[in-house]
Amino acid sequence: MPYGMMRGVTARLMLLDTASLYFRAYFGVPDSVRAPDGTPVNAVRGLLDFIDRLVKDHRPDRLVACMDADWRPQWRVDLIPSYKAHRVAEERAAGPDEEEVPDTLSPQVPVIEEVLDALGIARVGVAGYEADDVIGTFTARADGPVDIVTGDRDLYQLVDDARGVRVLYPLKGVGTLQTTDEAWLREKYGVDGAGYADLALLRGDPSDGLPGVPGIGEKTAAKLLAEFGDLAGIMAAVDDPGAKLTPSQRKRLDEARPYVAVAPKVVLVAADVPLPDVDTALPAAPRDPARLDALAARWGLGGSLQRLLLTLGG
């Protein structure tokens, strides 16, 4: 049952921005948490604790750990070369560039993947796409409520009250989550979910290497969107001498046309990723108990894994 109903009841789908969460686990759990051989496993155990808490608190019917098969897709870089450029550790002629990741985190990622697979938690990454795009496509296909768990504000663009799509944004671990719905977005940014992508595009985002429109900050972007509706309306106003734009705004937006022409494809998460056919149902028991036992012993997963298994079986 990859996307549909479960036993005739509309299922609640939870989508994890997995890298965002294991980065938080890595920095939030001391690296003194180690395997029997002394290898740090703080990100592994921290992520298992996160998943345990999320399942306990929010009771999803379906769960997908969405992965970055390509954290910096070439098709985005072709449009905006600065996209995530400052985070490249090594450029590669073939395949994705290597992302700058702490030395003791990189070896933990394959362990995380193996543990999720042995548990039977659906894990999806698609070549040529970021986890955000996988999340966007699962969200577009969902026929019930969706909880997106991420520390990346880019995914605010998917918030949609009518469809029951919200973002759970970790403030401290995952015990304290900011529930982001359209009312919260309007109060904080003056836009709804769909408007957030236009706001981000205009404002820019240094953490993603998006330049934005020079001189158009967050507050100005929100005012322009309130006045003209969306990005297309703002750009139409640039050509309308009667539109309420200051001379400097009109000049800056006019000069930014090349950026504005390509940026939407970079900023908007994809909704058409070719997803594999996976069982997204939350497992009540491990898919591969023997493999899971071996991983637990090898990496010293202890209480973190046992708590999650109890929660899944409960």
C-alpha atoms as a PDB file:
ATOM      1  CA  MET A   1       0.000   0.000   0.000  1.00  0.00           C
ATOM      2  CA  PRO A   2       2.446   2.675  -1.138  1.00  0.00           C
ATOM      3  CA  TYR A   3       0.194   5.711  -1.267  1.00  0.00           C
ATOM      4  CA  GLY A   4      -3.396   4.708  -0.734  1.00  0.00           C
ATOM      5  CA  MET A   5      -5.849   3.869   1.967  1.00  0.00           C
ATOM      6  CA  MET A   6      -5.138   1.357   4.730  1.00  0.00           C
ATOM      7  CA  ARG A   7      -7.996  -0.984   5.635  1.00  0.00           C
ATOM      8  CA  GLY A   8     -10.538   1.532   4.396  1.00  0.00           C
ATOM      9  CA  VAL A   9      -9.295   4.302   6.686  1.00  0.00           C
ATOM     10  CA  THR A  10      -7.440   7.365   5.455  1.00  0.00           C
ATOM     11  CA  ALA A  11      -3.902   6.879   6.700  1.00  0.00           C
ATOM     12  CA  ARG A  12      -1.655   9.500   8.267  1.00  0.00           C
ATOM     13  CA  LEU A  13       1.666   9.635   6.458  1.00  0.00           C
ATOM     14  CA  MET A  14       4.842  10.856   8.162  1.00  0.00           C
ATOM     15  CA  LEU A  15       7.771  11.850   5.942  1.00  0.00           C
ATOM     16  CA  LEU A  16      11.211  12.214   7.514  1.00  0.00           C
ATOM     17  CA  ASP A  17      13.820  14.539   6.048  1.00  0.00           C
ATOM     18  CA  THR A  18      16.313  11.957   7.233  1.00  0.00           C
ATOM     19  CA  ALA A  19      19.586  13.835   6.712  1.00  0.00           C
ATOM     20  CA  SER A  20      18.188  16.891   8.482  1.00  0.00           C
ATOM     21  CA  LEU A  21      17.300  14.691  11.457  1.00  0.00           C
ATOM     22  CA  TYR A  22      20.516  12.688  11.661  1.00  0.00           C
ATOM     23  CA  PHE A  23      22.553  15.922  11.456  1.00  0.00           C
ATOM     24  CA  ARG A  24      20.559  17.178  14.440  1.00  0.00           C
ATOM     25  CA  ALA A  25      21.044  13.886  16.239  1.00  0.00           C
ATOM     26  CA  TYR A  26      24.788  14.009  15.556  1.00  0.00           C
ATOM     27  CA  PHE A  27      25.155  17.479  17.047  1.00  0.00           C
ATOM     28  CA  GLY A  28      22.627  16.888  19.830  1.00  0.00           C
ATOM     29  CA  VAL A  29      23.937  13.561  21.201  1.00  0.00           C
ATOM     30  CA  PRO A  30      27.492  13.483  22.598  1.00  0.00           C
ATOM     31  CA  ASP A  31      30.056  11.548  20.566  1.00  0.00           C
ATOM     32  CA  SER A  32      30.887   9.612  23.718  1.00  0.00           C
ATOM     33  CA  VAL A  33      27.941   7.407  22.634  1.00  0.00           C
ATOM     34  CA  ARG A  34      29.982   4.694  20.921  1.00  0.00           C
ATOM     35  CA  ALA A  35      29.884   1.160  19.582  1.00  0.00           C
ATOM     36  CA  PRO A  36      31.784  -1.602  21.441  1.00  0.00           C
ATOM     37  CA  ASP A  37      34.806  -0.966  19.208  1.00  0.00           C
ATOM     38  CA  GLY A  38      34.822   2.741  20.085  1.00  0.00           C
ATOM     39  CA  THR A  39      33.210   4.014  16.841  1.00  0.00           C
ATOM     40  CA  PRO A  40      30.830   6.947  17.472  1.00  0.00           C
ATOM     41  CA  VAL A  41      27.179   6.002  16.928  1.00  0.00           C
ATOM     42  CA  ASN A  42      25.596   9.171  18.313  1.00  0.00           C
ATOM     43  CA  ALA A  43      23.794   9.960  15.040  1.00  0.00           C
ATOM     44  CA  VAL A  44      22.488   6.388  14.717  1.00  0.00           C
ATOM     45  CA  ARG A  45      21.157   6.157  18.252  1.00  0.00           C
ATOM     46  CA  GLY A  46      19.937   9.753  18.227  1.00  0.00           C
ATOM     47  CA  LEU A  47      17.919   9.137  15.050  1.00  0.00           C
ATOM     48  CA  LEU A  48      16.380   5.967  16.512  1.00  0.00           C
ATOM     49  CA  ASP A  49      15.391   7.971  19.599  1.00  0.00           C
ATOM     50  CA  PHE A  50      13.900  10.654  17.324  1.00  0.00           C
ATOM     51  CA  ILE A  51      11.831   8.113  15.396  1.00  0.00           C
ATOM     52  CA  ASP A  52      10.659   6.510  18.641  1.00  0.00           C
ATOM     53  CA  ARG A  53       9.471   9.853  19.996  1.00  0.00           C
ATOM     54  CA  LEU A  54       7.804  10.845  16.709  1.00  0.00           C
ATOM     55  CA  VAL A  55       5.879   7.579  16.474  1.00  0.00           C
ATOM     56  CA  LYS A  56       4.840   7.774  20.142  1.00  0.00           C
ATOM     57  CA  ASP A  57       3.690  11.392  19.931  1.00  0.00           C
ATOM     58  CA  HIS A  58       2.099  11.474  16.476  1.00  0.00           C
ATOM     59  CA  ARG A  59       1.040   7.894  15.716  1.00  0.00           C
ATOM     60  CA  PRO A  60       1.503   7.826  11.949  1.00  0.00           C
ATOM     61  CA  ASP A  61       0.078   4.873  10.012  1.00  0.00           C
ATOM     62  CA  ARG A  62       2.771   5.152   7.370  1.00  0.00           C
ATOM     63  CA  LEU A  63       6.352   6.358   7.614  1.00  0.00           C
ATOM     64  CA  VAL A  64       9.016   7.045   4.993  1.00  0.00           C
ATOM     65  CA  ALA A  65      12.641   7.951   5.686  1.00  0.00           C
ATOM     66  CA  CYS A  66      13.361  10.186   2.688  1.00  0.00           C
ATOM     67  CA  MET A  67      17.001  10.310   1.607  1.00  0.00           C
ATOM     68  CA  ASP A  68      19.282  12.565  -0.438  1.00  0.00           C
ATOM     69  CA  ALA A  69      20.358  10.349  -3.339  1.00  0.00           C
ATOM     70  CA  ASP A  70      21.798  13.576  -4.770  1.00  0.00           C
ATOM     71  CA  TRP A  71      22.079  16.487  -2.342  1.00  0.00           C
ATOM     72  CA  ARG A  72      23.038  18.960  -5.124  1.00  0.00           C
ATOM     73  CA  PRO A  73      21.355  17.847  -8.383  1.00  0.00           C
ATOM     74  CA  GLN A  74      23.111  18.965 -11.549  1.00  0.00           C
ATOM     75  CA  TRP A  75      19.864  20.224 -13.075  1.00  0.00           C
ATOM     76  CA  ARG A  76      19.582  22.748 -10.235  1.00  0.00           C
ATOM     77  CA  VAL A  77      23.264  23.733 -10.493  1.00  0.00           C
ATOM     78  CA  ASP A  78      22.868  24.256 -14.269  1.00  0.00           C
ATOM     79  CA  LEU A  79      20.189  26.863 -13.519  1.00  0.00           C
ATOM     80  CA  ILE A  80      21.907  28.557 -10.555  1.00  0.00           C
ATOM     81  CA  PRO A  81      25.628  27.604 -10.348  1.00  0.00           C
ATOM     82  CA  SER A  82      25.965  28.941  -6.794  1.00  0.00           C
ATOM     83  CA  TYR A  83      23.367  26.430  -5.544  1.00  0.00           C
ATOM     84  CA  LYS A  84      24.895  24.814  -2.419  1.00  0.00           C
ATOM     85  CA  ALA A  85      28.371  25.466  -3.904  1.00  0.00           C
ATOM     86  CA  HIS A  86      29.844  26.482  -0.535  1.00  0.00           C
ATOM     87  CA  ARG A  87      29.008  23.037   0.879  1.00  0.00           C
ATOM     88  CA  VAL A  88      30.942  21.047  -1.729  1.00  0.00           C
ATOM     89  CA  ALA A  89      33.848  19.115  -0.182  1.00  0.00           C
ATOM     90  CA  GLU A  90      34.944  17.503  -3.450  1.00  0.00           C
ATOM     91  CA  GLU A  91      33.779  17.903  -7.041  1.00  0.00           C
ATOM     92  CA  ARG A  92      33.342  14.684  -8.983  1.00  0.00           C
ATOM     93  CA  ALA A  93      33.327  14.256 -12.751  1.00  0.00           C
ATOM     94  CA  ALA A  94      30.886  11.355 -12.489  1.00  0.00           C
ATOM     95  CA  GLY A  95      28.105  11.213  -9.938  1.00  0.00           C
ATOM     96  CA  PRO A  96      27.091  13.709  -7.241  1.00  0.00           C
ATOM     97  CA  ASP A  97      29.663  16.027  -5.671  1.00  0.00           C
ATOM     98  CA  GLU A  98      30.715  15.077  -2.171  1.00  0.00           C
ATOM     99  CA  GLU A  99      29.073  17.150   0.557  1.00  0.00           C
ATOM    100  CA  GLU A 100      31.088  18.537   3.436  1.00  0.00           C
ATOM    101  CA  VAL A 101      30.109  16.312   6.379  1.00  0.00           C
ATOM    102  CA  PRO A 102      31.802  15.894   9.793  1.00  0.00           C
ATOM    103  CA  ASP A 103      34.368  13.062   9.716  1.00  0.00           C
ATOM    104  CA  THR A 104      32.641  10.960  12.364  1.00  0.00           C
ATOM    105  CA  LEU A 105      29.163  11.371  10.841  1.00  0.00           C
ATOM    106  CA  SER A 106      29.872   9.994   7.340  1.00  0.00           C
ATOM    107  CA  PRO A 107      30.580   6.413   8.522  1.00  0.00           C
ATOM    108  CA  GLN A 108      27.316   6.399  10.500  1.00  0.00           C
ATOM    109  CA  VAL A 109      25.073   7.010   7.486  1.00  0.00           C
ATOM    110  CA  PRO A 110      25.398   3.476   6.018  1.00  0.00           C
ATOM    111  CA  VAL A 111      24.671   2.076   9.487  1.00  0.00           C
ATOM    112  CA  ILE A 112      21.505   4.192   9.685  1.00  0.00           C
ATOM    113  CA  GLU A 113      20.438   2.872   6.288  1.00  0.00           C
ATOM    114  CA  GLU A 114      21.073  -0.758   7.266  1.00  0.00           C
ATOM    115  CA  VAL A 115      19.167  -0.413  10.543  1.00  0.00           C
ATOM    116  CA  LEU A 116      16.149   1.224   8.868  1.00  0.00           C
ATOM    117  CA  ASP A 117      16.088  -1.523   6.242  1.00  0.00           C
ATOM    118  CA  ALA A 118      16.281  -4.313   8.848  1.00  0.00           C
ATOM    119  CA  LEU A 119      13.498  -2.639  10.832  1.00  0.00           C
ATOM    120  CA  GLY A 120      11.327  -2.490   7.719  1.00  0.00           C
ATOM    121  CA  ILE A 121      10.932   1.301   7.754  1.00  0.00           C
ATOM    122  CA  ALA A 122      10.554   2.448   4.158  1.00  0.00           C
ATOM    123  CA  ARG A 123      13.675   4.308   2.981  1.00  0.00           C
ATOM    124  CA  VAL A 124      13.467   6.161  -0.325  1.00  0.00           C
ATOM    125  CA  GLY A 125      16.082   8.107  -2.252  1.00  0.00           C
ATOM    126  CA  VAL A 126      15.894   8.639  -6.010  1.00  0.00           C
ATOM    127  CA  ALA A 127      18.920   9.269  -8.246  1.00  0.00           C
ATOM    128  CA  GLY A 128      19.139  12.890  -9.383  1.00  0.00           C
ATOM    129  CA  TYR A 129      16.878  14.218  -6.621  1.00  0.00           C
ATOM    130  CA  GLU A 130      17.104  15.573  -3.097  1.00  0.00           C
ATOM    131  CA  ALA A 131      15.105  14.257  -0.151  1.00  0.00           C
ATOM    132  CA  ASP A 132      12.972  17.432  -0.432  1.00  0.00           C
ATOM    133  CA  ASP A 133      11.847  16.298  -3.889  1.00  0.00           C
ATOM    134  CA  VAL A 134      10.995  12.810  -2.624  1.00  0.00           C
ATOM    135  CA  ILE A 135       8.988  14.435   0.179  1.00  0.00           C
ATOM    136  CA  GLY A 136       7.260  16.747  -2.309  1.00  0.00           C
ATOM    137  CA  THR A 137       6.221  13.835  -4.504  1.00  0.00           C
ATOM    138  CA  PHE A 138       4.941  11.654  -1.658  1.00  0.00           C
ATOM    139  CA  THR A 139       2.998  14.691  -0.408  1.00  0.00           C
ATOM    140  CA  ALA A 140       1.487  15.356  -3.834  1.00  0.00           C
ATOM    141  CA  ARG A 141       0.349  11.726  -4.097  1.00  0.00           C
ATOM    142  CA  ALA A 142      -1.002  11.383  -0.547  1.00  0.00           C
ATOM    143  CA  ASP A 143      -4.742  11.049  -0.113  1.00  0.00           C
ATOM    144  CA  GLY A 144      -4.696  11.701   3.629  1.00  0.00           C
ATOM    145  CA  PRO A 145      -2.974  13.954   6.167  1.00  0.00           C
ATOM    146  CA  VAL A 146       0.802  14.349   5.950  1.00  0.00           C
ATOM    147  CA  ASP A 147       3.301  15.266   8.662  1.00  0.00           C
ATOM    148  CA  ILE A 148       6.682  16.372   7.273  1.00  0.00           C
ATOM    149  CA  VAL A 149       9.449  16.275   9.896  1.00  0.00           C
ATOM    150  CA  THR A 150      12.339  18.523   8.922  1.00  0.00           C
ATOM    151  CA  GLY A 151      14.702  21.180  10.183  1.00  0.00           C
ATOM    152  CA  ASP A 152      14.677  22.733   6.674  1.00  0.00           C
ATOM    153  CA  ARG A 153      12.334  25.687   6.227  1.00  0.00           C
ATOM    154  CA  ASP A 154      12.329  25.168   2.441  1.00  0.00           C
ATOM    155  CA  LEU A 155       9.607  22.565   2.975  1.00  0.00           C
ATOM    156  CA  TYR A 156       7.214  25.171   4.410  1.00  0.00           C
ATOM    157  CA  GLN A 157       6.127  25.581   0.783  1.00  0.00           C
ATOM    158  CA  LEU A 158       4.262  22.250   1.054  1.00  0.00           C
ATOM    159  CA  VAL A 159       2.060  23.335   3.984  1.00  0.00           C
ATOM    160  CA  ASP A 160      -1.591  23.065   2.941  1.00  0.00           C
ATOM    161  CA  ASP A 161      -4.357  23.187   5.551  1.00  0.00           C
ATOM    162  CA  ALA A 162      -7.020  22.007   3.100  1.00  0.00           C
ATOM    163  CA  ARG A 163      -5.088  18.776   2.496  1.00  0.00           C
ATOM    164  CA  GLY A 164      -3.898  18.349   6.075  1.00  0.00           C
ATOM    165  CA  VAL A 165      -0.223  18.868   5.190  1.00  0.00           C
ATOM    166  CA  ARG A 166       1.872  20.388   7.957  1.00  0.00           C
ATOM    167  CA  VAL A 167       5.559  20.648   8.832  1.00  0.00           C
ATOM    168  CA  LEU A 168       6.825  19.522  12.228  1.00  0.00           C
ATOM    169  CA  TYR A 169       9.977  21.571  12.769  1.00  0.00           C
ATOM    170  CA  PRO A 170      12.282  20.440  15.613  1.00  0.00           C
ATOM    171  CA  LEU A 171      13.129  23.200  18.068  1.00  0.00           C
ATOM    172  CA  LYS A 172      14.853  20.984  20.643  1.00  0.00           C
ATOM    173  CA  GLY A 173      15.454  17.368  19.689  1.00  0.00           C
ATOM    174  CA  VAL A 174      12.093  16.161  18.492  1.00  0.00           C
ATOM    175  CA  GLY A 175      10.417  16.449  21.875  1.00  0.00           C
ATOM    176  CA  THR A 176       9.631  20.081  21.128  1.00  0.00           C
ATOM    177  CA  LEU A 177       8.262  20.552  17.632  1.00  0.00           C
ATOM    178  CA  GLN A 178       6.906  23.684  16.029  1.00  0.00           C
ATOM    179  CA  THR A 179       3.706  22.691  14.226  1.00  0.00           C
ATOM    180  CA  THR A 180       3.780  24.763  11.052  1.00  0.00           C
ATOM    181  CA  ASP A 181       0.387  25.286   9.436  1.00  0.00           C
ATOM    182  CA  GLU A 182      -0.921  28.124   7.280  1.00  0.00           C
ATOM    183  CA  ALA A 183      -1.987  30.230  10.279  1.00  0.00           C
ATOM    184  CA  TRP A 184       1.568  30.052  11.668  1.00  0.00           C
ATOM    185  CA  LEU A 185       3.075  30.923   8.271  1.00  0.00           C
ATOM    186  CA  ARG A 186       0.770  33.919   7.824  1.00  0.00           C
ATOM    187  CA  GLU A 187       1.610  35.220  11.288  1.00  0.00           C
ATOM    188  CA  LYS A 188       5.361  34.717  10.866  1.00  0.00           C
ATOM    189  CA  TYR A 189       5.884  35.530   7.177  1.00  0.00           C
ATOM    190  CA  GLY A 190       2.611  36.958   5.876  1.00  0.00           C
ATOM    191  CA  VAL A 191       2.248  34.157   3.298  1.00  0.00           C
ATOM    192  CA  ASP A 192       0.625  30.742   3.010  1.00  0.00           C
ATOM    193  CA  GLY A 193       2.426  27.547   2.027  1.00  0.00           C
ATOM    194  CA  ALA A 194       2.364  28.204  -1.706  1.00  0.00           C
ATOM    195  CA  GLY A 195       3.552  31.782  -1.127  1.00  0.00           C
ATOM    196  CA  TYR A 196       6.546  30.688   0.929  1.00  0.00           C
ATOM    197  CA  ALA A 197       8.454  29.497  -2.143  1.00  0.00           C
ATOM    198  CA  ASP A 198       8.049  32.923  -3.784  1.00  0.00           C
ATOM    199  CA  LEU A 199       9.136  34.616  -0.541  1.00  0.00           C
ATOM    200  CA  ALA A 200      12.240  32.411  -0.300  1.00  0.00           C
ATOM    201  CA  LEU A 201      13.092  32.995  -3.956  1.00  0.00           C
ATOM    202  CA  LEU A 202      12.900  36.794  -3.616  1.00  0.00           C
ATOM    203  CA  ARG A 203      14.639  36.922  -0.227  1.00  0.00           C
ATOM    204  CA  GLY A 204      17.344  34.432  -1.140  1.00  0.00           C
ATOM    205  CA  ASP A 205      18.900  31.829   1.128  1.00  0.00           C
ATOM    206  CA  PRO A 206      22.647  31.977   1.825  1.00  0.00           C
ATOM    207  CA  SER A 207      22.591  28.468   3.330  1.00  0.00           C
ATOM    208  CA  ASP A 208      21.552  27.108  -0.090  1.00  0.00           C
ATOM    209  CA  GLY A 209      23.596  29.549  -2.186  1.00  0.00           C
ATOM    210  CA  LEU A 210      20.469  31.272  -3.543  1.00  0.00           C
ATOM    211  CA  PRO A 211      21.265  34.941  -4.192  1.00  0.00           C
ATOM    212  CA  GLY A 212      17.706  36.285  -4.147  1.00  0.00           C
ATOM    213  CA  VAL A 213      16.887  39.721  -5.530  1.00  0.00           C
ATOM    214  CA  PRO A 214      19.413  42.283  -4.214  1.00  0.00           C
ATOM    215  CA  GLY A 215      17.743  44.776  -1.892  1.00  0.00           C
ATOM    216  CA  ILE A 216      14.592  42.688  -1.463  1.00  0.00           C
ATOM    217  CA  GLY A 217      14.630  41.267   2.054  1.00  0.00           C
ATOM    218  CA  GLU A 218      12.028  39.140   3.797  1.00  0.00           C
ATOM    219  CA  LYS A 219       9.739  41.984   4.894  1.00  0.00           C
ATOM    220  CA  THR A 220       9.796  43.688   1.497  1.00  0.00           C
ATOM    221  CA  ALA A 221       9.172  40.361  -0.244  1.00  0.00           C
ATOM    222  CA  ALA A 222       6.168  39.703   2.012  1.00  0.00           C
ATOM    223  CA  LYS A 223       4.761  43.193   1.298  1.00  0.00           C
ATOM    224  CA  LEU A 224       5.184  42.737  -2.451  1.00  0.00           C
ATOM    225  CA  LEU A 225       3.453  39.354  -2.333  1.00  0.00           C
ATOM    226  CA  ALA A 226       0.594  40.840  -0.276  1.00  0.00           C
ATOM    227  CA  GLU A 227       0.236  43.630  -2.854  1.00  0.00           C
ATOM    228  CA  PHE A 228       0.603  41.628  -6.083  1.00  0.00           C
ATOM    229  CA  GLY A 229      -0.367  38.084  -5.098  1.00  0.00           C
ATOM    230  CA  ASP A 230       2.542  36.009  -6.350  1.00  0.00           C
ATOM    231  CA  LEU A 231       5.844  36.193  -8.201  1.00  0.00           C
ATOM    232  CA  ALA A 232       4.152  36.463 -11.601  1.00  0.00           C
ATOM    233  CA  GLY A 233       2.044  39.349 -10.298  1.00  0.00           C
ATOM    234  CA  ILE A 234       5.129  41.130  -8.966  1.00  0.00           C
ATOM    235  CA  MET A 235       6.992  40.790 -12.271  1.00  0.00           C
ATOM    236  CA  ALA A 236       3.914  41.987 -14.177  1.00  0.00           C
ATOM    237  CA  ALA A 237       3.902  45.051 -11.922  1.00  0.00           C
ATOM    238  CA  VAL A 238       7.460  45.851 -13.004  1.00  0.00           C
ATOM    239  CA  ASP A 239       6.085  46.425 -16.522  1.00  0.00           C
ATOM    240  CA  ASP A 240       3.095  48.443 -15.261  1.00  0.00           C
ATOM    241  CA  PRO A 241       4.012  52.117 -14.768  1.00  0.00           C
ATOM    242  CA  GLY A 242       0.965  52.537 -12.511  1.00  0.00           C
ATOM    243  CA  ALA A 243       1.899  49.728 -10.126  1.00  0.00           C
ATOM    244  CA  LYS A 244       2.864  50.626  -6.561  1.00  0.00           C
ATOM    245  CA  LEU A 245       6.585  49.918  -6.718  1.00  0.00           C
ATOM    246  CA  THR A 246       9.330  52.260  -5.602  1.00  0.00           C
ATOM    247  CA  PRO A 247      11.813  53.214  -8.333  1.00  0.00           C
ATOM    248  CA  SER A 248      14.528  51.143  -6.617  1.00  0.00           C
ATOM    249  CA  GLN A 249      12.269  48.085  -6.305  1.00  0.00           C
ATOM    250  CA  ARG A 250      11.296  48.333  -9.958  1.00  0.00           C
ATOM    251  CA  LYS A 251      14.956  48.651 -11.003  1.00  0.00           C
ATOM    252  CA  ARG A 252      16.143  45.757  -8.832  1.00  0.00           C
ATOM    253  CA  LEU A 253      13.371  43.423  -9.965  1.00  0.00           C
ATOM    254  CA  ASP A 254      13.918  44.365 -13.594  1.00  0.00           C
ATOM    255  CA  GLU A 255      17.655  43.650 -13.322  1.00  0.00           C
ATOM    256  CA  ALA A 256      16.917  40.337 -11.595  1.00  0.00           C
ATOM    257  CA  ARG A 257      14.821  38.946 -14.483  1.00  0.00           C
ATOM    258  CA  PRO A 258      17.426  36.316 -15.490  1.00  0.00           C
ATOM    259  CA  TYR A 259      17.480  34.991 -11.910  1.00  0.00           C
ATOM    260  CA  VAL A 260      13.693  35.167 -11.512  1.00  0.00           C
ATOM    261  CA  ALA A 261      13.251  33.229 -14.760  1.00  0.00           C
ATOM    262  CA  VAL A 262      15.168  30.165 -13.521  1.00  0.00           C
ATOM    263  CA  ALA A 263      14.885  30.335  -9.738  1.00  0.00           C
ATOM    264  CA  PRO A 264      11.380  28.815  -9.408  1.00  0.00           C
ATOM    265  CA  LYS A 265      12.586  25.505 -10.816  1.00  0.00           C
ATOM    266  CA  VAL A 266      15.441  25.489  -8.286  1.00  0.00           C
ATOM    267  CA  VAL A 267      13.398  26.606  -5.264  1.00  0.00           C
ATOM    268  CA  LEU A 268      10.222  24.585  -5.842  1.00  0.00           C
ATOM    269  CA  VAL A 269      10.452  21.000  -4.665  1.00  0.00           C
ATOM    270  CA  ALA A 270       9.646  18.467  -7.356  1.00  0.00           C
ATOM    271  CA  ALA A 271       6.277  16.717  -7.301  1.00  0.00           C
ATOM    272  CA  ASP A 272       6.986  14.250 -10.101  1.00  0.00           C
ATOM    273  CA  VAL A 273       9.902  12.139  -8.845  1.00  0.00           C
ATOM    274  CA  PRO A 274       9.734   8.521 -10.122  1.00  0.00           C
ATOM    275  CA  LEU A 275       9.172   6.906  -6.736  1.00  0.00           C
ATOM    276  CA  PRO A 276       9.784   3.194  -6.280  1.00  0.00           C
ATOM    277  CA  ASP A 277       6.856   1.025  -5.240  1.00  0.00           C
ATOM    278  CA  VAL A 278       7.473   0.617  -1.511  1.00  0.00           C
ATOM    279  CA  ASP A 279       5.397  -0.510   1.437  1.00  0.00           C
ATOM    280  CA  THR A 280       5.117   2.588   3.596  1.00  0.00           C
ATOM    281  CA  ALA A 281       3.125   0.956   6.401  1.00  0.00           C
ATOM    282  CA  LEU A 282       4.714   1.406   9.813  1.00  0.00           C
ATOM    283  CA  PRO A 283       6.173  -2.020  10.697  1.00  0.00           C
ATOM    284  CA  ALA A 284       4.849  -3.746  13.822  1.00  0.00           C
ATOM    285  CA  ALA A 285       7.818  -6.137  13.829  1.00  0.00           C
ATOM    286  CA  PRO A 286      11.269  -6.051  12.191  1.00  0.00           C
ATOM    287  CA  ARG A 287      11.538  -7.118   8.568  1.00  0.00           C
ATOM    288  CA  ASP A 288      14.833  -8.921   9.239  1.00  0.00           C
ATOM    289  CA  PRO A 289      15.150  -9.767  12.973  1.00  0.00           C
ATOM    290  CA  ALA A 290      18.412 -11.695  12.603  1.00  0.00           C
ATOM    291  CA  ARG A 291      20.072  -8.846  10.707  1.00  0.00           C
ATOM    292  CA  LEU A 292      18.767  -6.324  13.230  1.00  0.00           C
ATOM    293  CA  ASP A 293      20.172  -8.372  16.139  1.00  0.00           C
ATOM    294  CA  ALA A 294      23.564  -8.499  14.421  1.00  0.00           C
ATOM    295  CA  LEU A 295      23.536  -4.736  13.816  1.00  0.00           C
ATOM    296  CA  ALA A 296      22.464  -4.052  17.410  1.00  0.00           C
ATOM    297  CA  ALA A 297      25.358  -6.133  18.717  1.00  0.00           C
ATOM    298  CA  ARG A 298      27.929  -4.744  16.246  1.00  0.00           C
ATOM    299  CA  TRP A 299      27.057  -1.117  16.868  1.00  0.00           C
ATOM    300  CA  GLY A 300      25.843  -1.201  20.466  1.00  0.00           C
ATOM    301  CA  LEU A 301      22.377   0.188  19.694  1.00  0.00           C
ATOM    302  CA  GLY A 302      21.073  -0.876  23.118  1.00  0.00           C
ATOM    303  CA  GLY A 303      18.138   0.955  24.625  1.00  0.00           C
ATOM    304  CA  SER A 304      17.574   3.228  21.621  1.00  0.00           C
ATOM    305  CA  LEU A 305      16.654   0.278  19.417  1.00  0.00           C
ATOM    306  CA  GLN A 306      14.747  -1.609  22.124  1.00  0.00           C
ATOM    307  CA  ARG A 307      12.551   1.410  22.901  1.00  0.00           C
ATOM    308  CA  LEU A 308      11.710   1.848  19.230  1.00  0.00           C
ATOM    309  CA  LEU A 309      10.875  -1.850  18.823  1.00  0.00           C
ATOM    310  CA  LEU A 310       8.517  -1.651  21.833  1.00  0.00           C
ATOM    311  CA  THR A 311       6.847   1.445  20.392  1.00  0.00           C
ATOM    312  CA  LEU A 312       6.418  -0.132  16.953  1.00  0.00           C
ATOM    313  CA  GLY A 313       4.953  -3.284  18.455  1.00  0.00           C
ATOM    314  CA  GLY A 314       2.654  -1.447  20.836  1.00  0.00           C
END
